[in-house]
């Protein structure tokens, strides 16, 4: 003979307590996930920002001296004012192209906290039992 099995019955209050506790745990875990994602992204962004800052300074100095060299070179065959205007026009065109490319890249930028958003969208369905 097998031993009799005992069924455990819970009251409505206990069931609601379990649901409340589970929801609290779920919300806490979502907040922890969001914090972890923000920390990770902020660290990566800080490092990338520092590197881009150094690259921007080096690039600026390179462009500055190349522009002076172009201006100086052109001033050997034409008036200095016209040479400076030609160099400035080239930079105006480059600025316009870069601004348009930057704007299109900005439109492609993904939202922040993708994993947190995904799991947060699943919470209402989980509450409905789906």
N, C-alpha and C. Protein backbone atom coordinates (compact mmCIF):
# COMPACT_ATOMS: atom_id res chain seq x y z
N UNK A 1 0.82 -1.18 0.00
CA UNK A 1 0.00 0.00 0.00
C UNK A 1 0.87 1.25 0.00
N UNK A 2 0.37 2.25 -0.68
CA UNK A 2 1.12 3.50 -0.71
C UNK A 2 0.63 4.41 0.41
N UNK A 3 1.53 5.31 0.79
CA UNK A 3 1.19 6.24 1.86
C UNK A 3 0.19 7.25 1.34
N UNK A 4 -0.73 7.68 2.17
CA UNK A 4 -1.72 8.68 1.72
C UNK A 4 -1.04 10.01 1.42
N UNK A 5 -1.48 10.63 0.36
CA UNK A 5 -0.94 11.94 0.00
C UNK A 5 -1.77 13.02 0.67
N UNK A 6 -1.11 14.04 1.07
CA UNK A 6 -1.82 15.15 1.71
C UNK A 6 -1.85 16.31 0.73
N UNK A 7 -2.98 16.89 0.61
CA UNK A 7 -3.11 18.06 -0.26
C UNK A 7 -2.96 19.31 0.58
N UNK A 8 -2.27 20.25 -0.01
CA UNK A 8 -2.09 21.52 0.69
C UNK A 8 -3.04 22.52 0.07
N UNK A 9 -3.88 23.06 0.84
CA UNK A 9 -4.81 24.07 0.35
C UNK A 9 -4.41 25.41 0.94
N UNK A 10 -4.48 26.42 0.08
CA UNK A 10 -4.12 27.76 0.53
C UNK A 10 -5.37 28.62 0.51
N UNK A 11 -5.39 29.53 1.41
CA UNK A 11 -6.51 30.47 1.44
C UNK A 11 -6.29 31.53 0.37
N UNK A 12 -7.33 32.28 0.10
CA UNK A 12 -7.25 33.36 -0.88
C UNK A 12 -6.22 34.39 -0.45
N UNK A 13 -6.14 34.66 0.84
CA UNK A 13 -5.16 35.62 1.35
C UNK A 13 -3.74 35.16 1.10
N UNK A 14 -3.50 33.85 1.30
CA UNK A 14 -2.16 33.31 1.05
C UNK A 14 -1.83 33.38 -0.44
N UNK A 15 -2.80 33.05 -1.29
CA UNK A 15 -2.58 33.12 -2.74
C UNK A 15 -2.27 34.55 -3.17
N UNK A 16 -3.03 35.51 -2.66
CA UNK A 16 -2.77 36.91 -2.98
C UNK A 16 -1.41 37.34 -2.46
N UNK A 17 -1.03 36.85 -1.31
CA UNK A 17 0.29 37.15 -0.77
C UNK A 17 1.39 36.62 -1.67
N UNK A 18 1.20 35.38 -2.19
CA UNK A 18 2.17 34.80 -3.12
C UNK A 18 2.27 35.62 -4.40
N UNK A 19 1.11 36.02 -4.94
CA UNK A 19 1.11 36.82 -6.17
C UNK A 19 1.79 38.16 -5.93
N UNK A 20 1.50 38.79 -4.81
CA UNK A 20 2.12 40.08 -4.49
C UNK A 20 3.62 39.93 -4.34
N UNK A 21 4.05 38.88 -3.68
CA UNK A 21 5.48 38.63 -3.50
C UNK A 21 6.16 38.38 -4.85
N UNK A 22 5.50 37.59 -5.70
CA UNK A 22 6.07 37.31 -7.02
C UNK A 22 6.16 38.58 -7.87
N UNK A 23 5.11 39.41 -7.81
CA UNK A 23 5.13 40.68 -8.56
C UNK A 23 6.24 41.58 -8.05
N UNK A 24 6.39 41.63 -6.74
CA UNK A 24 7.44 42.46 -6.15
C UNK A 24 8.82 41.98 -6.62
N UNK A 25 9.01 40.67 -6.63
CA UNK A 25 10.28 40.12 -7.11
C UNK A 25 10.50 40.44 -8.57
N UNK A 26 9.46 40.31 -9.36
CA UNK A 26 9.56 40.61 -10.79
C UNK A 26 9.92 42.07 -11.03
N UNK A 27 9.27 42.96 -10.33
CA UNK A 27 9.55 44.40 -10.50
C UNK A 27 10.98 44.71 -10.06
N UNK A 28 11.41 44.12 -8.93
CA UNK A 28 12.78 44.34 -8.47
C UNK A 28 13.79 43.84 -9.49
N UNK A 29 13.52 42.68 -10.07
CA UNK A 29 14.45 42.14 -11.07
C UNK A 29 14.50 43.02 -12.32
N UNK A 30 13.37 43.57 -12.71
CA UNK A 30 13.33 44.47 -13.87
C UNK A 30 14.14 45.73 -13.59
N UNK A 31 14.01 46.26 -12.39
CA UNK A 31 14.77 47.46 -12.02
C UNK A 31 16.26 47.14 -12.00
N UNK A 32 16.63 45.98 -11.48
CA UNK A 32 18.04 45.59 -11.45
C UNK A 32 18.58 45.42 -12.87
N UNK A 33 17.78 44.83 -13.77
CA UNK A 33 18.20 44.67 -15.15
C UNK A 33 18.40 46.03 -15.81
N UNK A 34 17.49 46.95 -15.56
CA UNK A 34 17.61 48.29 -16.14
C UNK A 34 18.86 48.99 -15.63
N UNK A 35 19.15 48.86 -14.33
CA UNK A 35 20.35 49.48 -13.78
C UNK A 35 21.60 48.88 -14.38
N UNK A 36 21.63 47.56 -14.52
CA UNK A 36 22.80 46.90 -15.09
C UNK A 36 23.02 47.32 -16.54
N UNK A 37 21.94 47.41 -17.31
CA UNK A 37 22.07 47.85 -18.71
C UNK A 37 22.57 49.29 -18.80
N UNK A 38 22.03 50.15 -17.94
CA UNK A 38 22.46 51.55 -17.96
C UNK A 38 23.92 51.69 -17.59
N UNK A 39 24.35 50.94 -16.56
CA UNK A 39 25.77 50.98 -16.16
C UNK A 39 26.66 50.51 -17.31
N UNK A 40 26.28 49.41 -17.94
CA UNK A 40 27.09 48.87 -19.04
C UNK A 40 27.17 49.85 -20.20
N UNK A 41 26.03 50.41 -20.57
CA UNK A 41 26.02 51.35 -21.69
C UNK A 41 26.75 52.64 -21.36
N UNK A 42 26.62 53.10 -20.12
CA UNK A 42 27.31 54.34 -19.73
C UNK A 42 28.82 54.14 -19.73
N UNK A 43 29.29 53.00 -19.27
CA UNK A 43 30.72 52.72 -19.27
C UNK A 43 31.26 52.68 -20.69
N UNK A 44 30.56 51.96 -21.56
CA UNK A 44 30.99 51.87 -22.95
C UNK A 44 30.95 53.23 -23.63
N UNK A 45 29.91 53.99 -23.36
CA UNK A 45 29.79 55.31 -23.97
C UNK A 45 30.89 56.25 -23.47
N UNK A 46 31.24 56.16 -22.20
CA UNK A 46 32.31 56.99 -21.66
C UNK A 46 33.65 56.70 -22.30
N UNK A 47 33.97 55.42 -22.44
CA UNK A 47 35.23 55.04 -23.07
C UNK A 47 35.25 55.48 -24.53
N UNK A 48 34.17 55.21 -25.23
CA UNK A 48 34.09 55.61 -26.64
C UNK A 48 34.17 57.13 -26.78
N UNK A 49 33.53 57.85 -25.88
CA UNK A 49 33.56 59.31 -25.93
C UNK A 49 34.96 59.85 -25.75
N UNK A 50 35.71 59.28 -24.83
CA UNK A 50 37.10 59.71 -24.63
C UNK A 50 37.96 59.46 -25.85
N UNK A 51 37.79 58.29 -26.45
CA UNK A 51 38.55 57.97 -27.66
C UNK A 51 38.16 58.88 -28.82
N UNK A 52 36.86 59.13 -28.96
CA UNK A 52 36.42 60.02 -30.02
C UNK A 52 36.90 61.45 -29.78
N UNK A 53 36.96 61.86 -28.53
CA UNK A 53 37.47 63.19 -28.22
C UNK A 53 38.92 63.36 -28.64
N UNK A 54 39.75 62.36 -28.32
CA UNK A 54 41.16 62.39 -28.75
C UNK A 54 41.30 62.36 -30.25
N UNK A 55 40.50 61.52 -30.89
CA UNK A 55 40.54 61.43 -32.35
C UNK A 55 40.07 62.75 -32.98
N UNK A 56 39.08 63.37 -32.39
CA UNK A 56 38.57 64.64 -32.92
C UNK A 56 39.63 65.73 -32.84
N UNK A 57 40.34 65.78 -31.72
CA UNK A 57 41.40 66.78 -31.59
C UNK A 57 42.50 66.55 -32.62
N UNK A 58 42.94 65.30 -32.76
CA UNK A 58 43.99 64.99 -33.74
C UNK A 58 43.50 65.29 -35.17
N UNK A 59 42.26 64.93 -35.43
CA UNK A 59 41.69 65.19 -36.75
C UNK A 59 41.57 66.68 -37.03
N UNK A 60 41.16 67.44 -36.03
CA UNK A 60 41.04 68.88 -36.19
C UNK A 60 42.39 69.51 -36.53
N UNK A 61 43.42 69.10 -35.79
CA UNK A 61 44.75 69.67 -36.05
C UNK A 61 45.24 69.28 -37.45
N UNK A 62 44.97 68.06 -37.85
CA UNK A 62 45.35 67.61 -39.20
C UNK A 62 44.65 68.44 -40.27
N UNK A 63 43.36 68.59 -40.10
CA UNK A 63 42.57 69.37 -41.07
C UNK A 63 43.02 70.82 -41.09
N UNK A 64 43.29 71.37 -39.93
CA UNK A 64 43.73 72.76 -39.86
C UNK A 64 45.02 72.98 -40.64
N UNK A 65 46.02 72.12 -40.40
CA UNK A 65 47.29 72.30 -41.08
C UNK A 65 47.21 71.96 -42.57
N UNK A 66 46.37 70.99 -42.93
CA UNK A 66 46.18 70.71 -44.36
C UNK A 66 45.47 71.88 -45.05
N UNK A 67 44.54 72.50 -44.35
CA UNK A 67 43.85 73.66 -44.92
C UNK A 67 44.82 74.83 -45.11
N UNK A 68 45.68 75.06 -44.11
CA UNK A 68 46.69 76.11 -44.27
C UNK A 68 47.61 75.81 -45.45
N UNK A 69 48.00 74.53 -45.59
CA UNK A 69 48.89 74.16 -46.69
C UNK A 69 48.20 74.36 -48.04
N UNK A 70 46.91 73.99 -48.12
CA UNK A 70 46.17 74.19 -49.37
C UNK A 70 46.02 75.68 -49.68
N UNK A 71 45.72 76.46 -48.67
CA UNK A 71 45.58 77.90 -48.85
C UNK A 71 46.91 78.49 -49.34
N UNK A 72 47.96 78.10 -48.68
CA UNK A 72 49.29 78.59 -49.03
C UNK A 72 49.69 78.16 -50.45
N UNK A 73 49.39 76.90 -50.77
CA UNK A 73 49.71 76.41 -52.11
C UNK A 73 48.93 77.14 -53.19
N UNK A 74 47.64 77.35 -52.95
CA UNK A 74 46.82 78.06 -53.93
C UNK A 74 47.21 79.53 -54.05
N UNK A 75 47.72 80.09 -52.97
CA UNK A 75 48.10 81.51 -53.02
C UNK A 75 49.33 81.74 -53.91
N UNK A 76 50.03 80.68 -54.30
CA UNK A 76 51.16 80.80 -55.23
C UNK A 76 50.67 81.04 -56.66
N UNK A 77 49.43 80.63 -56.96
CA UNK A 77 48.91 80.79 -58.32
C UNK A 77 47.77 81.79 -58.42
N UNK A 78 47.29 82.29 -57.28
CA UNK A 78 46.20 83.28 -57.30
C UNK A 78 46.30 84.15 -56.05
N UNK A 79 45.43 85.13 -55.98
CA UNK A 79 45.40 86.03 -54.82
C UNK A 79 45.06 85.24 -53.56
N UNK A 80 45.63 85.65 -52.43
CA UNK A 80 45.41 84.95 -51.16
C UNK A 80 43.95 84.91 -50.75
N UNK A 81 43.22 85.96 -50.98
CA UNK A 81 41.80 86.03 -50.62
C UNK A 81 41.00 84.96 -51.35
N UNK A 82 41.25 84.81 -52.67
CA UNK A 82 40.54 83.79 -53.46
C UNK A 82 40.95 82.39 -53.03
N UNK A 83 42.21 82.20 -52.70
CA UNK A 83 42.67 80.89 -52.24
C UNK A 83 41.97 80.50 -50.93
N UNK A 84 41.86 81.47 -50.01
CA UNK A 84 41.18 81.20 -48.74
C UNK A 84 39.70 80.89 -48.98
N UNK A 85 39.07 81.60 -49.91
CA UNK A 85 37.67 81.38 -50.22
C UNK A 85 37.44 79.98 -50.80
N UNK A 86 38.34 79.53 -51.66
CA UNK A 86 38.22 78.19 -52.24
C UNK A 86 38.33 77.12 -51.15
N UNK A 87 39.30 77.26 -50.27
CA UNK A 87 39.47 76.30 -49.17
C UNK A 87 38.23 76.30 -48.27
N UNK A 88 37.70 77.46 -47.97
CA UNK A 88 36.50 77.56 -47.12
C UNK A 88 35.30 76.91 -47.81
N UNK A 89 35.16 77.08 -49.12
CA UNK A 89 34.05 76.48 -49.86
C UNK A 89 34.13 74.95 -49.82
N UNK A 90 35.33 74.43 -49.95
CA UNK A 90 35.50 72.97 -49.88
C UNK A 90 35.05 72.46 -48.51
N UNK A 91 35.41 73.19 -47.45
CA UNK A 91 35.01 72.78 -46.11
C UNK A 91 33.50 72.94 -45.89
N UNK A 92 32.89 73.91 -46.52
CA UNK A 92 31.44 74.08 -46.41
C UNK A 92 30.70 72.89 -47.03
N UNK A 93 31.20 72.41 -48.17
CA UNK A 93 30.59 71.24 -48.82
C UNK A 93 30.78 70.01 -47.94
N UNK A 94 31.99 69.84 -47.39
CA UNK A 94 32.25 68.69 -46.52
C UNK A 94 31.35 68.74 -45.29
N UNK A 95 31.13 69.91 -44.73
CA UNK A 95 30.26 70.07 -43.57
C UNK A 95 28.83 69.67 -43.90
N UNK A 96 28.33 70.09 -45.04
CA UNK A 96 26.97 69.75 -45.43
C UNK A 96 26.80 68.24 -45.60
N UNK A 97 27.76 67.60 -46.25
CA UNK A 97 27.69 66.15 -46.46
C UNK A 97 27.70 65.41 -45.12
N UNK A 98 28.60 65.80 -44.23
CA UNK A 98 28.69 65.14 -42.93
C UNK A 98 27.43 65.37 -42.09
N UNK A 99 26.84 66.55 -42.17
CA UNK A 99 25.62 66.83 -41.41
C UNK A 99 24.46 65.96 -41.89
N UNK A 100 24.33 65.80 -43.18
CA UNK A 100 23.26 64.96 -43.73
C UNK A 100 23.48 63.50 -43.34
N UNK A 101 24.72 63.02 -43.43
CA UNK A 101 25.01 61.64 -43.05
C UNK A 101 24.77 61.42 -41.56
N UNK A 102 25.15 62.37 -40.73
CA UNK A 102 24.92 62.26 -39.29
C UNK A 102 23.45 62.24 -38.94
N UNK A 103 22.67 63.05 -39.61
CA UNK A 103 21.23 63.08 -39.35
C UNK A 103 20.59 61.75 -39.71
N UNK A 104 21.01 61.14 -40.83
CA UNK A 104 20.43 59.86 -41.22
C UNK A 104 20.84 58.75 -40.24
N UNK A 105 22.06 58.80 -39.73
CA UNK A 105 22.49 57.81 -38.73
C UNK A 105 21.73 57.98 -37.42
N UNK A 106 21.45 59.21 -37.05
CA UNK A 106 20.72 59.48 -35.82
C UNK A 106 19.31 58.89 -35.90
N UNK A 107 18.73 58.90 -37.05
CA UNK A 107 17.39 58.34 -37.23
C UNK A 107 17.40 56.82 -37.06
N UNK A 108 18.53 56.18 -37.32
CA UNK A 108 18.66 54.73 -37.19
C UNK A 108 18.98 54.29 -35.77
N UNK A 109 19.25 55.24 -34.89
CA UNK A 109 19.70 54.94 -33.52
C UNK A 109 18.67 54.08 -32.81
N UNK A 110 19.12 53.01 -32.17
CA UNK A 110 18.19 52.13 -31.45
C UNK A 110 17.85 52.74 -30.11
N UNK A 111 16.72 52.36 -29.57
CA UNK A 111 16.28 52.88 -28.29
C UNK A 111 17.15 52.39 -27.14
N UNK A 112 16.98 53.01 -26.01
CA UNK A 112 17.76 52.62 -24.84
C UNK A 112 17.11 51.46 -24.13
N UNK A 113 17.89 50.68 -23.44
CA UNK A 113 17.46 49.56 -22.63
C UNK A 113 16.60 48.54 -23.39
N UNK A 114 17.10 47.96 -24.46
CA UNK A 114 16.27 47.08 -25.28
C UNK A 114 15.78 45.83 -24.54
N UNK A 115 16.64 45.21 -23.73
CA UNK A 115 16.21 43.99 -23.03
C UNK A 115 15.17 44.30 -21.97
N UNK A 116 15.34 45.42 -21.27
CA UNK A 116 14.38 45.79 -20.25
C UNK A 116 13.03 46.10 -20.88
N UNK A 117 13.04 46.79 -22.00
CA UNK A 117 11.78 47.09 -22.69
C UNK A 117 11.08 45.81 -23.13
N UNK A 118 11.86 44.85 -23.62
CA UNK A 118 11.28 43.60 -24.09
C UNK A 118 10.64 42.83 -22.95
N UNK A 119 11.34 42.69 -21.84
CA UNK A 119 10.78 41.93 -20.73
C UNK A 119 9.64 42.68 -20.07
N UNK A 120 9.70 43.99 -20.04
CA UNK A 120 8.60 44.77 -19.45
C UNK A 120 7.33 44.62 -20.28
N UNK A 121 7.47 44.46 -21.59
CA UNK A 121 6.30 44.24 -22.45
C UNK A 121 5.66 42.88 -22.18
N UNK A 122 6.45 41.93 -21.69
CA UNK A 122 5.94 40.58 -21.45
C UNK A 122 5.19 40.47 -20.12
N UNK A 123 5.37 41.41 -19.21
CA UNK A 123 4.75 41.33 -17.89
C UNK A 123 3.22 41.29 -17.98
N UNK A 124 2.55 42.17 -18.73
CA UNK A 124 1.07 42.09 -18.77
C UNK A 124 0.57 40.75 -19.29
N UNK A 125 1.23 40.18 -20.30
CA UNK A 125 0.81 38.88 -20.81
C UNK A 125 1.02 37.80 -19.77
N UNK A 126 2.11 37.89 -19.01
CA UNK A 126 2.37 36.90 -17.97
C UNK A 126 1.30 36.98 -16.88
N UNK A 127 0.83 38.18 -16.58
CA UNK A 127 -0.22 38.33 -15.57
C UNK A 127 -1.54 37.74 -16.04
N UNK A 128 -1.75 37.77 -17.35
CA UNK A 128 -3.00 37.22 -17.89
C UNK A 128 -2.89 35.71 -18.10
N UNK A 129 -1.71 35.15 -17.85
CA UNK A 129 -1.55 33.70 -17.98
C UNK A 129 -1.16 33.25 -19.37
N UNK A 130 -0.62 34.14 -20.20
CA UNK A 130 -0.22 33.79 -21.56
C UNK A 130 1.24 33.48 -21.62
